[in-house]
Amino acid sequence: MKLHSIAYLSLLLFLPVVLSAQTILKDPEISKMITEVKAENLETTIHKLVSFGTRHTLSDTKSKTRGIGAAQQWVKSQFDKYALESNGRLTATIDYFTVKADGKRIATDSQLGNVMATLKGTDPTDDRVMIISGHLDSRVSDVMNTKSDAPGANDDGSGVAAMMELAKIMSKKEFPFTLIFVAVTGEEQGLYGSRHLAEHAKKSKWNVIAMINNDMIGNSLSSGTQLRDNTKVRVFSETIPYLETEEEAKMRKATNRDNDSPSRLLARYIKTTTNQYVDQLDINLVYRNDRFLRGGDHTPFSQNGFPAIRFCEMNENFNHQHQDVRTENGTKYGDLPEFMDFEYLRKITCSNLAVFSNLAWSPKAPVNVGIEVKELSNSSTLVWEAPEGKKVYGYQILIRETAASHWEKTIFVTGTKAEIPYSKDNFFFAVQSVDALGHASIPVFPVPIR
């Protein structure tokens, strides 16, 4: 047991039974990692990505200084540097694949590539996998223009920079299961890179417990309305799972769990963990898979049955998104670093780091979580079974009123059954496993047991 886990355990024994959802003690190791995230380092990465001129999916793959090929090789070279401090656990590759011409945004058969770094887990019996991504490709006004400069500083240099920062910091640590850091390509042409990876994950039967997509997380000023806010970030999550079975739909309707899909439970986890570790940043839970009629690289993962969410800045600036670099009527257009808020990007990167590391050190989620319905009562009795693997210190029962978007109360217990004075008619519940350092699993929504 880590030394600070003993101190945490001693404090935990004296905590009151009912806790606010936001008062869980921090793991000092996660807090220390968060201090390693620097705005200036993220800015340096952004400027390097912009230096490749264009990173259009179908741009030059031969040049060593310009185009998507050069950018891919540079990202891999950075992953290789991180690997030197990982004791051989981090490995990097460019996963090339061919996309057929589609008559739309892929003019001819093309070879695309995702730059991936895989941090191997230390427990061979733990098959969980987590994925974090940003898309490497960029574009200008004409999505088929492969020649003009497409800086892509915010869209999505910001997501790639955040993902690389996590890979650099977390590769120095040991985690029980596999973590994948990936710069996907083909996003602007139709989510090709993420779809390739998601379909591979499904075919290979990966146990993906969380996929986090970061796309445009470095701008805090909106166009048009001129709203500026670097204290909020949107997290999008699907309502009804794409691959919901008929039986699952029947259970969802019976329990009214329309707002408790696996992806939405992940989104709330992100909000709780961010409140716990990151100052001056609040997660705005958006109850839709993505922006209105738009999509991102988490979508193919959702479509393949994996819990997946998207981080996206609170206010988008369309003067600097999908625009040719130019000046018109005194207004400068283009996705350039000068229009970014690197302190905002730092905070969102810290949120990603807190969530990813907290989950990566967590025990497995409780299994067979149920709520008794054999008799009418103004109390609720929840039961579950302990998960296999890493030792569980206890469990947290999460509680919220049916109209609330986020968990409002937490009850800590050490057993696998609890009767609580909250009516199942008026509240929703979930149960998560917790270790001695407070690392919590993804919550599990209970099903009725008679």
Protein backbone atom coordinates (compact mmCIF):
# COMPACT_ATOMS: atom_id res chain seq x y z
CA MET A 1 0.00 0.00 0.00
CA LYS A 2 1.28 3.51 -0.81
CA LEU A 3 2.26 5.55 2.25
CA HIS A 4 -0.32 8.24 1.52
CA SER A 5 -3.01 5.57 1.23
CA ILE A 6 -2.53 4.81 4.94
CA ALA A 7 -3.09 8.44 5.82
CA TYR A 8 -6.14 8.58 3.57
CA LEU A 9 -7.54 5.41 5.12
CA SER A 10 -7.17 6.85 8.61
CA LEU A 11 -9.02 10.00 7.63
CA LEU A 12 -11.72 8.08 5.80
CA LEU A 13 -12.59 6.11 8.93
CA PHE A 14 -13.64 9.35 10.63
CA LEU A 15 -15.72 10.75 7.76
CA PRO A 16 -19.48 11.05 8.29
CA VAL A 17 -21.56 8.40 6.57
CA VAL A 18 -23.40 10.83 4.29
CA LEU A 19 -21.09 12.97 2.20
CA SER A 20 -21.51 15.69 -0.36
CA ALA A 21 -20.64 14.35 -3.79
CA GLN A 22 -17.81 16.89 -3.92
CA THR A 23 -15.99 16.35 -0.58
CA ILE A 24 -14.03 13.18 -1.33
CA LEU A 25 -10.36 13.58 -0.44
CA LYS A 26 -7.84 13.97 -3.26
CA ASP A 27 -5.10 11.50 -4.13
CA PRO A 28 -1.86 13.51 -3.68
CA GLU A 29 -0.27 11.67 -6.60
CA ILE A 30 -2.99 12.82 -9.00
CA SER A 31 -2.73 16.35 -7.60
CA LYS A 32 1.01 16.29 -8.24
CA MET A 33 0.55 15.13 -11.83
CA ILE A 34 -1.90 17.97 -12.41
CA THR A 35 0.77 20.51 -11.39
CA GLU A 36 2.95 19.15 -14.21
CA VAL A 37 0.48 20.39 -16.84
CA LYS A 38 1.77 23.76 -18.05
CA ALA A 39 0.04 26.20 -20.39
CA GLU A 40 3.38 27.05 -22.00
CA ASN A 41 4.04 23.39 -22.85
CA LEU A 42 0.64 23.09 -24.50
CA GLU A 43 1.30 26.30 -26.44
CA THR A 44 4.64 24.94 -27.67
CA THR A 45 2.92 21.79 -28.93
CA ILE A 46 0.26 23.85 -30.72
CA HIS A 47 2.87 25.98 -32.49
CA LYS A 48 4.72 22.85 -33.61
CA LEU A 49 1.53 21.34 -35.05
CA VAL A 50 0.75 24.62 -36.84
CA SER A 51 4.27 24.66 -38.32
CA PHE A 52 3.37 21.78 -40.65
CA GLY A 53 1.33 24.26 -42.72
CA THR A 54 -1.60 21.98 -43.36
CA ARG A 55 -2.55 18.71 -41.73
CA HIS A 56 -5.37 17.98 -44.13
CA THR A 57 -6.10 14.25 -44.19
CA LEU A 58 -5.27 14.06 -47.91
CA SER A 59 -2.27 16.41 -47.84
CA ASP A 60 1.40 15.55 -48.45
CA THR A 61 2.58 12.31 -46.83
CA LYS A 62 6.18 12.37 -48.18
CA SER A 63 7.52 15.74 -47.01
CA LYS A 64 9.39 15.82 -43.72
CA THR A 65 8.24 19.35 -42.92
CA ARG A 66 4.76 19.89 -44.38
CA GLY A 67 1.51 17.97 -44.45
CA ILE A 68 -0.20 15.20 -42.54
CA GLY A 69 2.67 12.74 -43.00
CA ALA A 70 5.22 15.01 -41.34
CA ALA A 71 2.80 15.76 -38.51
CA GLN A 72 2.17 12.04 -37.93
CA GLN A 73 5.89 11.29 -37.79
CA TRP A 74 6.47 14.12 -35.31
CA VAL A 75 3.70 12.97 -32.96
CA LYS A 76 5.09 9.43 -33.06
CA SER A 77 8.59 10.76 -32.32
CA GLN A 78 7.21 12.47 -29.22
CA PHE A 79 5.50 9.27 -28.12
CA ASP A 80 8.83 7.47 -28.58
CA LYS A 81 10.50 10.02 -26.28
CA TYR A 82 7.85 9.45 -23.62
CA ALA A 83 8.42 5.71 -23.95
CA LEU A 84 12.01 6.11 -22.71
CA GLU A 85 10.67 6.96 -19.24
CA SER A 86 8.02 4.25 -19.16
CA ASN A 87 10.21 1.22 -18.36
CA GLY A 88 9.20 -0.33 -21.65
CA ARG A 89 5.46 -0.14 -21.01
CA LEU A 90 4.66 2.58 -23.59
CA THR A 91 4.87 1.66 -27.25
CA ALA A 92 4.00 3.83 -30.25
CA THR A 93 2.93 3.10 -33.81
CA ILE A 94 1.18 4.63 -36.79
CA ASP A 95 -1.77 2.40 -37.59
CA TYR A 96 -2.18 2.76 -41.34
CA PHE A 97 -5.37 1.74 -43.12
CA THR A 98 -6.94 2.29 -46.52
CA VAL A 99 -10.15 4.22 -47.14
CA LYS A 100 -11.97 3.74 -50.43
CA ALA A 101 -13.09 6.73 -52.46
CA ASP A 102 -16.56 7.70 -51.27
CA GLY A 103 -17.60 10.21 -53.91
CA LYS A 104 -17.83 12.84 -51.18
CA ARG A 105 -14.79 13.83 -49.11
CA ILE A 106 -12.42 11.04 -50.15
CA ALA A 107 -11.71 11.64 -53.84
CA THR A 108 -9.49 8.58 -54.43
CA ASP A 109 -8.54 5.47 -52.49
CA SER A 110 -6.29 6.82 -49.73
CA GLN A 111 -4.01 5.56 -47.00
CA LEU A 112 -4.77 7.15 -43.61
CA GLY A 113 -3.05 6.63 -40.29
CA ASN A 114 -3.80 6.97 -36.57
CA VAL A 115 -0.81 7.74 -34.35
CA MET A 116 -1.20 5.57 -31.26
CA ALA A 117 0.66 5.19 -27.98
CA THR A 118 -0.33 2.21 -25.85
CA LEU A 119 0.54 2.14 -22.14
CA LYS A 120 0.42 -1.49 -21.10
CA GLY A 121 -1.20 -2.29 -17.77
CA THR A 122 0.63 -4.08 -14.97
CA ASP A 123 -2.16 -6.56 -14.17
CA PRO A 124 -2.46 -9.26 -16.88
CA THR A 125 -5.85 -10.29 -15.48
CA ASP A 126 -7.38 -6.81 -15.89
CA ASP A 127 -8.73 -6.54 -19.44
CA ARG A 128 -10.13 -3.02 -19.14
CA VAL A 129 -9.13 -0.45 -21.77
CA MET A 130 -9.44 3.34 -21.84
CA ILE A 131 -8.93 5.55 -24.89
CA ILE A 132 -8.30 9.29 -25.17
CA SER A 133 -8.15 11.04 -28.54
CA GLY A 134 -7.81 14.26 -30.48
CA HIS A 135 -7.89 14.52 -34.27
CA LEU A 136 -4.67 15.44 -36.03
CA ASP A 137 -6.15 16.55 -39.35
CA SER A 138 -7.15 20.14 -40.14
CA ARG A 139 -9.05 21.99 -42.89
CA VAL A 140 -9.91 25.38 -44.36
CA SER A 141 -13.20 26.63 -45.82
CA ASP A 142 -13.17 24.11 -48.66
CA VAL A 143 -12.97 20.68 -47.03
CA MET A 144 -11.31 19.31 -50.19
CA ASN A 145 -8.55 21.95 -50.28
CA THR A 146 -5.37 20.00 -49.49
CA LYS A 147 -2.86 22.72 -50.43
CA SER A 148 -3.69 25.94 -48.55
CA ASP A 149 -2.40 26.55 -45.05
CA ALA A 150 -4.80 25.00 -42.53
CA PRO A 151 -3.21 25.81 -39.14
CA GLY A 152 -5.73 23.80 -37.08
CA ALA A 153 -4.46 25.37 -33.86
CA ASN A 154 -7.66 24.86 -31.91
CA ASP A 155 -9.45 22.42 -34.25
CA ASP A 156 -7.97 20.15 -33.24
CA GLY A 157 -4.43 20.96 -32.26
CA SER A 158 -5.86 21.64 -28.80
CA GLY A 159 -7.22 18.10 -28.41
CA VAL A 160 -4.01 16.54 -29.72
CA ALA A 161 -1.88 18.67 -27.40
CA ALA A 162 -3.99 17.69 -24.37
CA MET A 163 -3.84 14.02 -25.29
CA MET A 164 -0.04 14.18 -25.76
CA GLU A 165 0.37 15.93 -22.41
CA LEU A 166 -1.49 13.08 -20.70
CA ALA A 167 0.66 10.50 -22.50
CA LYS A 168 3.85 12.28 -21.39
CA ILE A 169 2.85 12.56 -17.73
CA MET A 170 1.01 9.25 -17.27
CA SER A 171 3.58 7.10 -19.06
CA LYS A 172 5.89 7.59 -16.06
CA LYS A 173 3.34 5.87 -13.80
CA GLU A 174 2.02 2.32 -13.52
CA PHE A 175 -1.64 1.49 -13.99
CA PRO A 176 -3.30 -1.94 -13.81
CA PHE A 177 -4.91 -1.90 -17.24
CA THR A 178 -4.23 -0.61 -20.76
CA LEU A 179 -4.46 3.06 -21.70
CA ILE A 180 -4.44 4.20 -25.34
CA PHE A 181 -3.52 7.71 -26.44
CA VAL A 182 -4.34 8.41 -30.09
CA ALA A 183 -4.17 11.20 -32.64
CA VAL A 184 -6.74 10.09 -35.19
CA THR A 185 -6.99 11.33 -38.75
CA GLY A 186 -9.82 11.67 -41.24
CA GLU A 187 -12.14 13.45 -38.80
CA GLU A 188 -12.94 16.34 -41.13
CA GLN A 189 -13.48 13.91 -44.03
CA GLY A 190 -15.99 11.76 -42.13
CA LEU A 191 -14.64 10.39 -38.80
CA TYR A 192 -12.64 7.75 -40.68
CA GLY A 193 -9.79 7.35 -38.20
CA SER A 194 -11.98 6.98 -35.13
CA ARG A 195 -14.36 4.65 -36.96
CA HIS A 196 -11.43 2.43 -37.96
CA LEU A 197 -10.24 2.26 -34.34
CA ALA A 198 -13.73 1.75 -32.88
CA GLU A 199 -14.51 -1.09 -35.29
CA HIS A 200 -11.14 -2.69 -34.53
CA ALA A 201 -11.89 -2.43 -30.79
CA LYS A 202 -15.26 -4.10 -31.26
CA LYS A 203 -13.90 -6.84 -33.53
CA SER A 204 -11.08 -7.51 -31.07
CA LYS A 205 -13.57 -7.53 -28.16
CA TRP A 206 -11.77 -4.86 -26.20
CA ASN A 207 -13.35 -4.10 -22.85
CA VAL A 208 -13.44 -0.32 -23.37
CA ILE A 209 -14.84 1.26 -20.21
CA ALA A 210 -14.34 4.86 -21.34
CA MET A 211 -13.50 6.73 -24.54
CA ILE A 212 -12.76 10.44 -24.16
CA ASN A 213 -12.64 12.65 -27.24
CA ASN A 214 -11.18 16.16 -27.02
CA ASP A 215 -12.13 18.35 -29.95
CA MET A 216 -11.75 22.14 -29.78
CA ILE A 217 -10.90 22.82 -26.14
CA GLY A 218 -8.68 25.90 -26.45
CA ASN A 219 -10.93 28.85 -27.29
CA SER A 220 -12.93 30.83 -24.73
CA LEU A 221 -14.44 33.64 -26.88
CA SER A 222 -17.55 33.15 -29.00
CA SER A 223 -18.06 34.78 -32.36
CA GLY A 224 -21.18 36.90 -32.82
CA THR A 225 -22.27 37.06 -29.20
CA GLN A 226 -18.75 37.88 -27.95
CA LEU A 227 -19.26 35.80 -24.82
CA ARG A 228 -16.03 34.92 -23.04
CA ASP A 229 -15.90 32.14 -20.47
CA ASN A 230 -12.90 30.01 -19.53
CA THR A 231 -14.55 28.54 -16.44
CA LYS A 232 -16.90 26.10 -18.20
CA VAL A 233 -16.46 23.30 -20.70
CA ARG A 234 -19.12 21.18 -22.38
CA VAL A 235 -19.18 17.39 -22.07
CA PHE A 236 -21.52 15.72 -24.56
CA SER A 237 -22.97 12.26 -23.95
CA GLU A 238 -25.58 10.16 -25.71
CA THR A 239 -29.01 9.61 -24.20
CA ILE A 240 -30.09 6.20 -25.48
CA PRO A 241 -27.25 3.84 -26.48
CA TYR A 242 -26.99 3.24 -30.21
CA LEU A 243 -26.81 -0.53 -29.73
CA GLU A 244 -29.53 -0.83 -27.12
CA THR A 245 -31.20 -4.24 -27.32
CA GLU A 246 -34.95 -4.78 -27.09
CA GLU A 247 -34.49 -6.16 -23.57
CA GLU A 248 -32.35 -3.19 -22.53
CA ALA A 249 -34.94 -0.78 -23.96
CA LYS A 250 -37.66 -2.50 -21.95
CA MET A 251 -35.59 -2.14 -18.76
CA ARG A 252 -34.77 1.50 -19.54
CA LYS A 253 -38.44 2.36 -19.93
CA ALA A 254 -39.39 0.44 -16.79
CA THR A 255 -36.79 2.20 -14.64
CA ASN A 256 -36.93 5.60 -16.41
CA ARG A 257 -33.16 5.58 -16.89
CA ASP A 258 -33.25 7.74 -20.02
CA ASN A 259 -30.60 10.02 -18.54
CA ASP A 260 -28.36 7.26 -17.19
CA SER A 261 -26.78 5.64 -20.23
CA PRO A 262 -23.21 4.36 -19.70
CA SER A 263 -21.89 7.41 -21.56
CA ARG A 264 -23.93 9.75 -19.37
CA LEU A 265 -22.71 8.02 -16.20
CA LEU A 266 -19.19 8.62 -17.54
CA ALA A 267 -20.01 12.30 -18.11
CA ARG A 268 -21.19 12.71 -14.52
CA TYR A 269 -18.03 10.96 -13.33
CA ILE A 270 -16.06 13.59 -15.23
CA LYS A 271 -18.00 16.39 -13.54
CA THR A 272 -17.46 14.97 -10.04
CA THR A 273 -13.75 14.34 -10.58
CA THR A 274 -13.17 17.74 -12.16
CA ASN A 275 -14.88 19.48 -9.23
CA GLN A 276 -12.63 17.49 -6.96
CA TYR A 277 -9.29 18.27 -8.62
CA VAL A 278 -9.48 21.32 -10.91
CA ASP A 279 -10.08 24.87 -9.70
CA GLN A 280 -12.15 27.36 -11.69
CA LEU A 281 -13.52 24.82 -14.16
CA ASP A 282 -17.03 23.42 -14.22
CA ILE A 283 -18.34 20.67 -16.46
CA ASN A 284 -21.48 21.65 -18.35
CA LEU A 285 -23.33 18.38 -18.93
CA VAL A 286 -24.95 18.54 -22.36
CA TYR A 287 -27.68 15.97 -22.84
CA ARG A 288 -27.02 15.13 -26.47
CA ASN A 289 -24.37 13.10 -28.27
CA ASP A 290 -22.83 16.21 -29.85
CA ARG A 291 -23.72 19.69 -31.06
CA PHE A 292 -26.91 20.11 -33.08
CA LEU A 293 -26.71 17.92 -36.21
CA ARG A 294 -22.91 17.62 -35.81
CA GLY A 295 -20.58 14.86 -34.69
CA GLY A 296 -17.12 13.98 -33.45
CA ASP A 297 -14.68 11.12 -33.00
CA HIS A 298 -16.50 9.71 -29.97
CA THR A 299 -19.54 8.96 -32.13
CA PRO A 300 -18.18 5.79 -33.83
CA PHE A 301 -17.34 4.43 -30.39
CA SER A 302 -20.87 5.11 -29.18
CA GLN A 303 -22.18 3.46 -32.32
CA ASN A 304 -20.11 0.38 -31.53
CA GLY A 305 -21.46 0.10 -28.01
CA PHE A 306 -18.71 1.77 -25.96
CA PRO A 307 -19.19 4.52 -23.33
CA ALA A 308 -17.88 7.65 -25.07
CA ILE A 309 -18.05 11.40 -24.54
CA ARG A 310 -16.78 14.61 -26.11
CA PHE A 311 -15.05 17.53 -24.41
CA CYS A 312 -15.70 20.77 -26.31
CA GLU A 313 -15.20 24.42 -25.42
CA MET A 314 -18.18 26.30 -24.04
CA ASN A 315 -18.30 28.96 -26.77
CA GLU A 316 -17.22 28.28 -30.35
CA ASN A 317 -15.72 30.98 -32.55
CA PHE A 318 -16.70 30.41 -36.17
CA ASN A 319 -14.29 33.09 -37.40
CA HIS A 320 -11.51 30.69 -36.47
CA GLN A 321 -13.11 27.37 -37.34
CA HIS A 322 -13.09 25.86 -40.86
CA GLN A 323 -11.88 29.17 -42.31
CA ASP A 324 -9.28 30.22 -44.90
CA VAL A 325 -6.57 32.34 -43.30
CA ARG A 326 -7.37 35.89 -44.43
CA THR A 327 -8.43 39.38 -43.36
CA GLU A 328 -11.78 40.80 -44.48
CA ASN A 329 -13.25 44.16 -43.44
CA GLY A 330 -10.73 44.39 -40.64
CA THR A 331 -11.56 40.93 -39.24
CA LYS A 332 -8.87 38.26 -39.22
CA TYR A 333 -10.05 34.74 -40.00
CA GLY A 334 -8.34 31.39 -39.55
CA ASP A 335 -7.58 28.84 -36.86
CA LEU A 336 -4.41 30.43 -35.51
CA PRO A 337 -2.67 30.13 -32.09
CA GLU A 338 -3.09 33.86 -31.43
CA PHE A 339 -6.82 33.34 -30.91
CA MET A 340 -6.44 30.62 -28.30
CA ASP A 341 -6.70 30.74 -24.51
CA PHE A 342 -3.89 28.49 -23.27
CA GLU A 343 -4.84 28.79 -19.60
CA TYR A 344 -8.28 27.49 -20.52
CA LEU A 345 -6.66 24.63 -22.43
CA ARG A 346 -4.50 23.87 -19.39
CA LYS A 347 -7.51 23.54 -17.10
CA ILE A 348 -9.36 21.23 -19.48
CA THR A 349 -6.21 19.13 -19.88
CA CYS A 350 -6.04 18.90 -16.07
CA SER A 351 -9.65 17.70 -16.04
CA ASN A 352 -8.77 14.98 -18.54
CA LEU A 353 -5.73 13.98 -16.49
CA ALA A 354 -7.68 13.77 -13.23
CA VAL A 355 -10.43 11.67 -14.80
CA PHE A 356 -8.15 9.38 -16.76
CA SER A 357 -5.76 8.68 -13.88
CA ASN A 358 -8.52 8.33 -11.27
CA LEU A 359 -10.29 5.77 -13.44
CA ALA A 360 -7.03 4.06 -14.39
CA TRP A 361 -6.25 3.40 -10.71
CA SER A 362 -9.82 2.45 -9.80
CA PRO A 363 -11.06 -1.01 -8.88
CA LYS A 364 -13.53 -2.66 -11.20
CA ALA A 365 -17.16 -1.61 -10.94
CA PRO A 366 -19.52 -3.59 -8.67
CA VAL A 367 -21.46 -6.33 -10.44
CA ASN A 368 -25.12 -7.38 -10.40
CA VAL A 369 -26.19 -4.07 -8.88
CA GLY A 370 -29.88 -4.22 -8.00
CA ILE A 371 -32.59 -2.45 -6.06
CA GLU A 372 -35.16 -4.47 -4.14
CA VAL A 373 -38.80 -4.00 -5.13
CA LYS A 374 -40.44 -6.87 -3.25
CA GLU A 375 -42.38 -4.49 -1.00
CA LEU A 376 -43.49 -0.87 -0.86
CA SER A 377 -41.27 1.31 1.30
CA ASN A 378 -40.08 4.88 1.70
CA SER A 379 -36.58 3.51 2.07
CA SER A 380 -34.56 1.84 -0.69
CA THR A 381 -32.43 -1.29 -0.42
CA LEU A 382 -29.57 -1.75 -2.86
CA VAL A 383 -27.54 -4.92 -3.23
CA TRP A 384 -24.53 -5.83 -5.38
CA GLU A 385 -21.56 -8.14 -5.60
CA ALA A 386 -17.89 -7.28 -5.13
CA PRO A 387 -15.89 -7.15 -8.36
CA GLU A 388 -12.89 -9.32 -9.12
CA GLY A 389 -9.37 -7.94 -9.17
CA LYS A 390 -8.03 -5.00 -7.19
CA LYS A 391 -9.18 -4.92 -3.58
CA VAL A 392 -12.18 -2.72 -2.90
CA TYR A 393 -12.13 -0.59 0.25
CA GLY A 394 -15.81 0.27 0.05
CA TYR A 395 -18.64 1.51 -2.13
CA GLN A 396 -20.32 4.82 -2.79
CA ILE A 397 -24.06 5.02 -3.31
CA LEU A 398 -24.76 8.08 -5.46
CA ILE A 399 -28.13 9.82 -5.09
CA ARG A 400 -29.95 12.55 -6.98
CA GLU A 401 -33.52 13.74 -7.32
CA THR A 402 -35.19 12.68 -10.55
CA ALA A 403 -35.11 16.24 -11.96
CA ALA A 404 -31.43 16.81 -11.07
CA SER A 405 -28.76 16.56 -13.75
CA HIS A 406 -25.96 15.56 -11.38
CA TRP A 407 -25.44 13.51 -8.23
CA GLU A 408 -26.37 15.42 -5.07
CA LYS A 409 -25.45 13.07 -2.21
CA THR A 410 -23.02 10.23 -1.59
CA ILE A 411 -23.29 7.49 1.03
CA PHE A 412 -20.20 5.42 1.77
CA VAL A 413 -20.59 1.80 2.89
CA THR A 414 -18.23 -1.13 3.27
CA GLY A 415 -20.69 -3.99 2.71
CA THR A 416 -22.54 -5.14 -0.40
CA LYS A 417 -26.04 -4.29 0.79
CA ALA A 418 -27.45 -1.04 2.10
CA GLU A 419 -30.86 0.25 3.12
CA ILE A 420 -30.98 4.03 2.75
CA PRO A 421 -33.75 6.49 3.79
CA TYR A 422 -34.43 7.70 0.25
CA SER A 423 -37.46 6.64 -1.75
CA LYS A 424 -36.88 5.04 -5.15
CA ASP A 425 -39.99 6.95 -6.26
CA ASN A 426 -38.23 10.29 -5.78
CA PHE A 427 -34.55 9.57 -6.38
CA PHE A 428 -32.17 7.88 -8.81
CA PHE A 429 -29.23 5.83 -7.53
CA ALA A 430 -25.96 4.32 -8.72
CA VAL A 431 -23.19 2.37 -7.00
CA GLN A 432 -19.43 2.56 -7.57
CA SER A 433 -16.45 0.73 -6.09
CA VAL A 434 -13.78 2.74 -4.25
CA ASP A 435 -10.24 1.85 -3.17
CA ALA A 436 -8.41 3.13 -0.09
CA LEU A 437 -7.23 6.24 -1.97
CA GLY A 438 -10.67 7.23 -3.19
CA HIS A 439 -10.17 6.08 -6.78
CA ALA A 440 -13.72 5.30 -7.86
CA SER A 441 -15.03 3.08 -10.63
CA ILE A 442 -17.64 4.11 -13.15
CA PRO A 443 -21.03 4.04 -11.37
CA VAL A 444 -23.53 1.28 -12.12
CA PHE A 445 -27.26 1.99 -12.36
CA PRO A 446 -29.31 -0.62 -10.41
CA VAL A 447 -31.92 -2.91 -11.94
CA PRO A 448 -35.04 -4.12 -10.07
CA ILE A 449 -34.79 -7.40 -8.15
CA ARG A 450 -37.81 -9.13 -6.68
